[in-house]
Amino acid sequence: MRVFSTKIAAWVAGCRVGRAVQAKCGALSRVGLVLVGVGMLSACGLRLPGSTDSPTELAEAVTEFRVVPASRAFISVPQALMVMERDLGRAVEQRITLPNATALTGENVIMLRAQKAGYARGTRFVLEEQLSQFGGAPSPFTDVSEGALTATSDSFGDITYTTIRPGGDVMCVLAFRRTQTASRALPRGSRALDIMMRNCVSGTAEKALTPISAAAFGLGQPG
């Protein structure tokens, strides 16, 4: 009888240990699932809320662009092939597709963000911040650095840019600028218009910068 009781006690103890191990394994499994989820989001190019300083990153993950009439574009781009827009709450973002007559792969595009008061970034140009809000540097500028930037000015302010000649007479520019003016009124509450453009053309840097030159801006003011 004593032997039987000892076996029962050992079995009960084993069950307790088993439950403890099971609980620990369950906790580890849950941690593993979270890590797998993070990995899957990273692989998909999505950022977890709180992983950057961007106040619109969650909206970016769930809000799709929609095609809008060219007349809705914040700036005047007669050669635009398509204009898309999405409302991120704290900013309204547009994507203007430009022609690409070169043999270079990749899309010529102007990205614009009408930033609302309180969410517009500082006046000092910081490359990392600009690239972050527009989803990173496009090809062939993936290795761009502050030291490669130069600037030019017109009646609407500065254009900060860098250039690459990938071959032949092709000139590619990655350009940034900020204004408080657009060719039409910006969304109500907007206080700044941030712009990033990738444009590859046959010719000069001046030609490549034309889509965001002074001619692209009218008398529109934030609403």
C-alpha atoms as a PDB file:
ATOM      1  CA  MET A   1       0.000   0.000   0.000  1.00  0.00           C
ATOM      2  CA  ARG A   2       2.872   2.330   0.874  1.00  0.00           C
ATOM      3  CA  VAL A   3       4.535   1.565  -2.481  1.00  0.00           C
ATOM      4  CA  PHE A   4       1.285   2.331  -4.278  1.00  0.00           C
ATOM      5  CA  SER A   5       0.945   5.642  -2.412  1.00  0.00           C
ATOM      6  CA  THR A   6       4.507   6.535  -3.346  1.00  0.00           C
ATOM      7  CA  LYS A   7       3.743   5.858  -7.012  1.00  0.00           C
ATOM      8  CA  ILE A   8       0.618   8.005  -6.791  1.00  0.00           C
ATOM      9  CA  ALA A   9       2.592  10.842  -5.211  1.00  0.00           C
ATOM     10  CA  ALA A  10       5.253  10.567  -7.913  1.00  0.00           C
ATOM     11  CA  TRP A  11       2.570  10.617 -10.599  1.00  0.00           C
ATOM     12  CA  VAL A  12       0.939  13.710  -9.063  1.00  0.00           C
ATOM     13  CA  ALA A  13       4.324  15.435  -8.830  1.00  0.00           C
ATOM     14  CA  GLY A  14       4.999  14.499 -12.448  1.00  0.00           C
ATOM     15  CA  CYS A  15       1.683  15.996 -13.461  1.00  0.00           C
ATOM     16  CA  ARG A  16       2.535  19.215 -11.647  1.00  0.00           C
ATOM     17  CA  VAL A  17       5.922  19.349 -13.361  1.00  0.00           C
ATOM     18  CA  GLY A  18       4.256  18.562 -16.659  1.00  0.00           C
ATOM     19  CA  ARG A  19       1.787  21.386 -16.191  1.00  0.00           C
ATOM     20  CA  ALA A  20       4.608  23.788 -15.313  1.00  0.00           C
ATOM     21  CA  VAL A  21       6.598  22.741 -18.362  1.00  0.00           C
ATOM     22  CA  GLN A  22       3.453  22.976 -20.454  1.00  0.00           C
ATOM     23  CA  ALA A  23       2.778  26.497 -19.176  1.00  0.00           C
ATOM     24  CA  LYS A  24       6.347  27.555 -19.899  1.00  0.00           C
ATOM     25  CA  CYS A  25       6.208  25.988 -23.337  1.00  0.00           C
ATOM     26  CA  GLY A  26       2.899  27.719 -23.968  1.00  0.00           C
ATOM     27  CA  ALA A  27       4.399  31.063 -23.007  1.00  0.00           C
ATOM     28  CA  LEU A  28       7.410  30.434 -25.226  1.00  0.00           C
ATOM     29  CA  SER A  29       5.094  29.455 -28.073  1.00  0.00           C
ATOM     30  CA  ARG A  30       3.175  32.698 -27.698  1.00  0.00           C
ATOM     31  CA  VAL A  31       6.425  34.677 -27.757  1.00  0.00           C
ATOM     32  CA  GLY A  32       7.482  32.698 -30.814  1.00  0.00           C
ATOM     33  CA  LEU A  33       4.234  33.527 -32.592  1.00  0.00           C
ATOM     34  CA  VAL A  34       4.713  37.219 -31.873  1.00  0.00           C
ATOM     35  CA  LEU A  35       8.271  37.096 -33.229  1.00  0.00           C
ATOM     36  CA  VAL A  36       7.089  35.219 -36.314  1.00  0.00           C
ATOM     37  CA  GLY A  37       4.394  37.855 -36.802  1.00  0.00           C
ATOM     38  CA  VAL A  38       6.957  40.632 -36.552  1.00  0.00           C
ATOM     39  CA  GLY A  39       9.147  38.817 -39.045  1.00  0.00           C
ATOM     40  CA  MET A  40       6.260  38.411 -41.478  1.00  0.00           C
ATOM     41  CA  LEU A  41       5.391  42.113 -41.235  1.00  0.00           C
ATOM     42  CA  SER A  42       9.013  43.029 -41.847  1.00  0.00           C
ATOM     43  CA  ALA A  43       9.173  40.704 -44.838  1.00  0.00           C
ATOM     44  CA  CYS A  44       6.090  42.383 -46.253  1.00  0.00           C
ATOM     45  CA  GLY A  45       7.640  45.792 -45.818  1.00  0.00           C
ATOM     46  CA  LEU A  46       5.194  46.861 -43.106  1.00  0.00           C
ATOM     47  CA  ARG A  47       6.287  48.682 -39.973  1.00  0.00           C
ATOM     48  CA  LEU A  48       4.817  48.020 -36.555  1.00  0.00           C
ATOM     49  CA  PRO A  49       3.171  50.989 -34.816  1.00  0.00           C
ATOM     50  CA  GLY A  50       5.714  52.682 -32.578  1.00  0.00           C
ATOM     51  CA  SER A  51       8.717  51.416 -34.565  1.00  0.00           C
ATOM     52  CA  THR A  52       9.469  54.855 -36.047  1.00  0.00           C
ATOM     53  CA  ASP A  53       8.749  58.479 -35.292  1.00  0.00           C
ATOM     54  CA  SER A  54       6.225  58.752 -38.130  1.00  0.00           C
ATOM     55  CA  PRO A  55       2.823  59.901 -36.802  1.00  0.00           C
ATOM     56  CA  THR A  56       1.118  58.444 -39.897  1.00  0.00           C
ATOM     57  CA  GLU A  57       2.713  54.994 -40.113  1.00  0.00           C
ATOM     58  CA  LEU A  58      -0.415  53.102 -39.026  1.00  0.00           C
ATOM     59  CA  ALA A  59      -2.539  55.026 -41.535  1.00  0.00           C
ATOM     60  CA  GLU A  60       0.053  54.288 -44.220  1.00  0.00           C
ATOM     61  CA  ALA A  61      -0.263  50.560 -43.550  1.00  0.00           C
ATOM     62  CA  VAL A  62      -4.051  50.477 -43.928  1.00  0.00           C
ATOM     63  CA  THR A  63      -4.866  53.308 -46.362  1.00  0.00           C
ATOM     64  CA  GLU A  64      -4.595  52.684 -50.089  1.00  0.00           C
ATOM     65  CA  PHE A  65      -4.044  55.247 -52.832  1.00  0.00           C
ATOM     66  CA  ARG A  66      -6.926  55.984 -55.192  1.00  0.00           C
ATOM     67  CA  VAL A  67      -6.746  57.528 -58.637  1.00  0.00           C
ATOM     68  CA  VAL A  68      -7.968  61.144 -58.766  1.00  0.00           C
ATOM     69  CA  PRO A  69      -8.336  63.643 -61.624  1.00  0.00           C
ATOM     70  CA  ALA A  70      -5.140  65.423 -62.659  1.00  0.00           C
ATOM     71  CA  SER A  71      -6.861  68.686 -61.717  1.00  0.00           C
ATOM     72  CA  ARG A  72      -6.601  67.623 -58.050  1.00  0.00           C
ATOM     73  CA  ALA A  73      -2.798  67.528 -58.125  1.00  0.00           C
ATOM     74  CA  PHE A  74      -1.224  69.907 -55.609  1.00  0.00           C
ATOM     75  CA  ILE A  75       1.195  71.146 -58.265  1.00  0.00           C
ATOM     76  CA  SER A  76       0.854  71.695 -62.005  1.00  0.00           C
ATOM     77  CA  VAL A  77       2.451  68.827 -63.933  1.00  0.00           C
ATOM     78  CA  PRO A  78       1.160  68.862 -67.539  1.00  0.00           C
ATOM     79  CA  GLN A  79       3.078  65.682 -68.398  1.00  0.00           C
ATOM     80  CA  ALA A  80       1.587  63.665 -65.510  1.00  0.00           C
ATOM     81  CA  LEU A  81       0.442  60.187 -66.521  1.00  0.00           C
ATOM     82  CA  MET A  82      -1.570  59.527 -63.356  1.00  0.00           C
ATOM     83  CA  VAL A  83      -2.352  61.179 -60.025  1.00  0.00           C
ATOM     84  CA  MET A  84      -3.173  59.130 -56.937  1.00  0.00           C
ATOM     85  CA  GLU A  85      -4.125  60.334 -53.470  1.00  0.00           C
ATOM     86  CA  ARG A  86      -4.747  59.066 -49.944  1.00  0.00           C
ATOM     87  CA  ASP A  87      -5.812  60.796 -46.752  1.00  0.00           C
ATOM     88  CA  LEU A  88      -3.631  59.802 -43.798  1.00  0.00           C
ATOM     89  CA  GLY A  89      -5.506  61.996 -41.323  1.00  0.00           C
ATOM     90  CA  ARG A  90      -2.552  64.126 -40.314  1.00  0.00           C
ATOM     91  CA  ALA A  91      -1.426  64.538 -43.909  1.00  0.00           C
ATOM     92  CA  VAL A  92      -2.804  64.101 -47.410  1.00  0.00           C
ATOM     93  CA  GLU A  93      -0.392  62.294 -49.709  1.00  0.00           C
ATOM     94  CA  GLN A  94      -0.290  62.361 -53.499  1.00  0.00           C
ATOM     95  CA  ARG A  95       1.709  60.339 -55.996  1.00  0.00           C
ATOM     96  CA  ILE A  96       2.176  61.778 -59.488  1.00  0.00           C
ATOM     97  CA  THR A  97       3.543  59.382 -62.114  1.00  0.00           C
ATOM     98  CA  LEU A  98       5.795  60.968 -64.744  1.00  0.00           C
ATOM     99  CA  PRO A  99       6.814  59.628 -68.169  1.00  0.00           C
ATOM    100  CA  ASN A 100      10.049  57.657 -68.377  1.00  0.00           C
ATOM    101  CA  ALA A 101      11.470  57.835 -71.887  1.00  0.00           C
ATOM    102  CA  THR A 102      14.788  56.288 -70.848  1.00  0.00           C
ATOM    103  CA  ALA A 103      15.761  52.623 -70.865  1.00  0.00           C
ATOM    104  CA  LEU A 104      16.344  52.781 -67.106  1.00  0.00           C
ATOM    105  CA  THR A 105      13.989  50.664 -65.022  1.00  0.00           C
ATOM    106  CA  GLY A 106      11.926  52.215 -62.266  1.00  0.00           C
ATOM    107  CA  GLU A 107       9.196  54.794 -62.113  1.00  0.00           C
ATOM    108  CA  ASN A 108       9.617  58.531 -62.464  1.00  0.00           C
ATOM    109  CA  VAL A 109       7.415  59.908 -59.714  1.00  0.00           C
ATOM    110  CA  ILE A 110       6.669  62.935 -57.573  1.00  0.00           C
ATOM    111  CA  MET A 111       5.563  62.231 -53.990  1.00  0.00           C
ATOM    112  CA  LEU A 112       3.805  65.064 -52.160  1.00  0.00           C
ATOM    113  CA  ARG A 113       2.551  65.443 -48.598  1.00  0.00           C
ATOM    114  CA  ALA A 114       0.326  68.268 -47.433  1.00  0.00           C
ATOM    115  CA  GLN A 115       1.211  68.319 -43.735  1.00  0.00           C
ATOM    116  CA  LYS A 116      -1.306  69.601 -41.213  1.00  0.00           C
ATOM    117  CA  ALA A 117      -0.416  72.086 -38.474  1.00  0.00           C
ATOM    118  CA  GLY A 118       1.378  70.405 -35.596  1.00  0.00           C
ATOM    119  CA  TYR A 119       2.660  67.523 -37.720  1.00  0.00           C
ATOM    120  CA  ALA A 120       4.819  69.333 -40.256  1.00  0.00           C
ATOM    121  CA  ARG A 121       8.487  68.563 -39.736  1.00  0.00           C
ATOM    122  CA  GLY A 122      11.037  71.237 -38.841  1.00  0.00           C
ATOM    123  CA  THR A 123      12.317  73.724 -41.378  1.00  0.00           C
ATOM    124  CA  ARG A 124      15.838  72.263 -41.328  1.00  0.00           C
ATOM    125  CA  PHE A 125      16.322  69.666 -44.068  1.00  0.00           C
ATOM    126  CA  VAL A 126      17.102  66.207 -42.683  1.00  0.00           C
ATOM    127  CA  LEU A 127      17.518  63.551 -45.379  1.00  0.00           C
ATOM    128  CA  GLU A 128      16.612  60.610 -43.133  1.00  0.00           C
ATOM    129  CA  GLU A 129      13.318  62.251 -42.118  1.00  0.00           C
ATOM    130  CA  GLN A 130      12.391  63.021 -45.707  1.00  0.00           C
ATOM    131  CA  LEU A 131      13.136  59.498 -46.887  1.00  0.00           C
ATOM    132  CA  SER A 132      11.249  58.013 -43.928  1.00  0.00           C
ATOM    133  CA  GLN A 133       8.024  59.872 -44.637  1.00  0.00           C
ATOM    134  CA  PHE A 134       8.099  58.868 -48.312  1.00  0.00           C
ATOM    135  CA  GLY A 135       8.941  55.203 -47.755  1.00  0.00           C
ATOM    136  CA  GLY A 136      12.670  55.267 -48.512  1.00  0.00           C
ATOM    137  CA  ALA A 137      14.912  56.213 -51.411  1.00  0.00           C
ATOM    138  CA  PRO A 138      13.910  54.966 -54.868  1.00  0.00           C
ATOM    139  CA  SER A 139      16.297  53.257 -57.279  1.00  0.00           C
ATOM    140  CA  PRO A 140      18.983  54.188 -58.293  1.00  0.00           C
ATOM    141  CA  PHE A 141      19.391  56.301 -55.125  1.00  0.00           C
ATOM    142  CA  THR A 142      19.199  53.593 -52.458  1.00  0.00           C
ATOM    143  CA  ASP A 143      22.646  54.541 -51.108  1.00  0.00           C
ATOM    144  CA  VAL A 144      22.088  58.311 -51.067  1.00  0.00           C
ATOM    145  CA  SER A 145      23.756  60.283 -48.266  1.00  0.00           C
ATOM    146  CA  GLU A 146      23.669  63.860 -46.980  1.00  0.00           C
ATOM    147  CA  GLY A 147      27.139  64.477 -48.399  1.00  0.00           C
ATOM    148  CA  ALA A 148      25.913  63.855 -51.950  1.00  0.00           C
ATOM    149  CA  LEU A 149      23.289  66.607 -51.806  1.00  0.00           C
ATOM    150  CA  THR A 150      23.433  70.023 -53.385  1.00  0.00           C
ATOM    151  CA  ALA A 151      20.860  72.806 -53.652  1.00  0.00           C
ATOM    152  CA  THR A 152      19.428  75.366 -56.008  1.00  0.00           C
ATOM    153  CA  SER A 153      16.825  78.087 -55.420  1.00  0.00           C
ATOM    154  CA  ASP A 154      13.938  79.757 -57.200  1.00  0.00           C
ATOM    155  CA  SER A 155      11.171  82.159 -56.211  1.00  0.00           C
ATOM    156  CA  PHE A 156       9.461  79.412 -54.174  1.00  0.00           C
ATOM    157  CA  GLY A 157      12.492  78.419 -52.125  1.00  0.00           C
ATOM    158  CA  ASP A 158      15.190  75.761 -52.196  1.00  0.00           C
ATOM    159  CA  ILE A 159      15.364  72.481 -54.087  1.00  0.00           C
ATOM    160  CA  THR A 160      17.750  70.026 -52.447  1.00  0.00           C
ATOM    161  CA  TYR A 161      18.855  67.271 -54.789  1.00  0.00           C
ATOM    162  CA  THR A 162      21.454  64.760 -55.890  1.00  0.00           C
ATOM    163  CA  THR A 163      22.211  63.309 -59.314  1.00  0.00           C
ATOM    164  CA  ILE A 164      23.351  60.042 -60.866  1.00  0.00           C
ATOM    165  CA  ARG A 165      24.404  59.374 -64.460  1.00  0.00           C
ATOM    166  CA  PRO A 166      23.675  55.651 -64.950  1.00  0.00           C
ATOM    167  CA  GLY A 167      24.989  55.639 -68.511  1.00  0.00           C
ATOM    168  CA  GLY A 168      24.918  57.480 -71.811  1.00  0.00           C
ATOM    169  CA  ASP A 169      23.147  60.837 -71.682  1.00  0.00           C
ATOM    170  CA  VAL A 170      20.679  59.713 -68.988  1.00  0.00           C
ATOM    171  CA  MET A 171      20.497  62.007 -65.957  1.00  0.00           C
ATOM    172  CA  CYS A 172      18.630  60.947 -62.814  1.00  0.00           C
ATOM    173  CA  VAL A 173      17.741  63.324 -59.991  1.00  0.00           C
ATOM    174  CA  LEU A 174      16.387  62.706 -56.515  1.00  0.00           C
ATOM    175  CA  ALA A 175      15.020  66.047 -55.366  1.00  0.00           C
ATOM    176  CA  PHE A 176      13.263  67.446 -52.295  1.00  0.00           C
ATOM    177  CA  ARG A 177      11.559  70.693 -51.493  1.00  0.00           C
ATOM    178  CA  ARG A 178       9.104  72.252 -49.030  1.00  0.00           C
ATOM    179  CA  THR A 179       6.685  75.081 -49.748  1.00  0.00           C
ATOM    180  CA  GLN A 180       3.566  76.627 -48.264  1.00  0.00           C
ATOM    181  CA  THR A 181       2.218  77.196 -51.777  1.00  0.00           C
ATOM    182  CA  ALA A 182       0.661  74.958 -54.412  1.00  0.00           C
ATOM    183  CA  SER A 183      -0.968  75.366 -57.824  1.00  0.00           C
ATOM    184  CA  ARG A 184      -4.313  74.933 -56.077  1.00  0.00           C
ATOM    185  CA  ALA A 185      -5.461  75.327 -52.474  1.00  0.00           C
ATOM    186  CA  LEU A 186      -4.080  72.643 -50.197  1.00  0.00           C
ATOM    187  CA  PRO A 187      -6.430  70.669 -47.898  1.00  0.00           C
ATOM    188  CA  ARG A 188      -7.838  72.726 -45.040  1.00  0.00           C
ATOM    189  CA  GLY A 189      -5.477  72.894 -42.096  1.00  0.00           C
ATOM    190  CA  SER A 190      -2.349  72.182 -44.156  1.00  0.00           C
ATOM    191  CA  ARG A 191       0.705  74.206 -43.234  1.00  0.00           C
ATOM    192  CA  ALA A 192       3.430  72.784 -45.476  1.00  0.00           C
ATOM    193  CA  LEU A 193       3.828  70.826 -48.696  1.00  0.00           C
ATOM    194  CA  ASP A 194       6.738  68.349 -48.674  1.00  0.00           C
ATOM    195  CA  ILE A 195       7.901  66.985 -52.018  1.00  0.00           C
ATOM    196  CA  MET A 196      10.222  64.184 -53.148  1.00  0.00           C
ATOM    197  CA  MET A 197      10.837  63.481 -56.838  1.00  0.00           C
ATOM    198  CA  ARG A 198      12.737  60.788 -58.712  1.00  0.00           C
ATOM    199  CA  ASN A 199      13.114  61.729 -62.357  1.00  0.00           C
ATOM    200  CA  CYS A 200      15.399  60.193 -64.991  1.00  0.00           C
ATOM    201  CA  VAL A 201      15.633  61.948 -68.367  1.00  0.00           C
ATOM    202  CA  SER A 202      17.887  62.237 -71.367  1.00  0.00           C
ATOM    203  CA  GLY A 203      19.684  65.527 -70.811  1.00  0.00           C
ATOM    204  CA  THR A 204      20.663  67.754 -67.921  1.00  0.00           C
ATOM    205  CA  ALA A 205      19.874  68.036 -64.218  1.00  0.00           C
ATOM    206  CA  GLU A 206      17.985  71.258 -64.924  1.00  0.00           C
ATOM    207  CA  LYS A 207      15.700  69.391 -67.324  1.00  0.00           C
ATOM    208  CA  ALA A 208      15.148  66.607 -64.784  1.00  0.00           C
ATOM    209  CA  LEU A 209      14.218  69.152 -62.078  1.00  0.00           C
ATOM    210  CA  THR A 210      11.656  70.927 -64.278  1.00  0.00           C
ATOM    211  CA  PRO A 211       8.531  69.134 -62.913  1.00  0.00           C
ATOM    212  CA  ILE A 212       9.056  70.715 -59.457  1.00  0.00           C
ATOM    213  CA  SER A 213      10.491  74.041 -60.636  1.00  0.00           C
ATOM    214  CA  ALA A 214       8.763  77.389 -60.064  1.00  0.00           C
ATOM    215  CA  ALA A 215       6.476  76.759 -63.036  1.00  0.00           C
ATOM    216  CA  ALA A 216       4.765  73.957 -61.071  1.00  0.00           C
ATOM    217  CA  PHE A 217       3.480  76.354 -58.424  1.00  0.00           C
ATOM    218  CA  GLY A 218       0.641  78.843 -58.608  1.00  0.00           C
ATOM    219  CA  LEU A 219      -1.059  81.136 -56.153  1.00  0.00           C
ATOM    220  CA  GLY A 220      -2.866  78.466 -54.139  1.00  0.00           C
ATOM    221  CA  GLN A 221      -2.556  78.816 -50.365  1.00  0.00           C
ATOM    222  CA  PRO A 222      -3.403  76.366 -47.585  1.00  0.00           C
ATOM    223  CA  GLY A 223      -7.114  76.391 -46.827  1.00  0.00           C
END
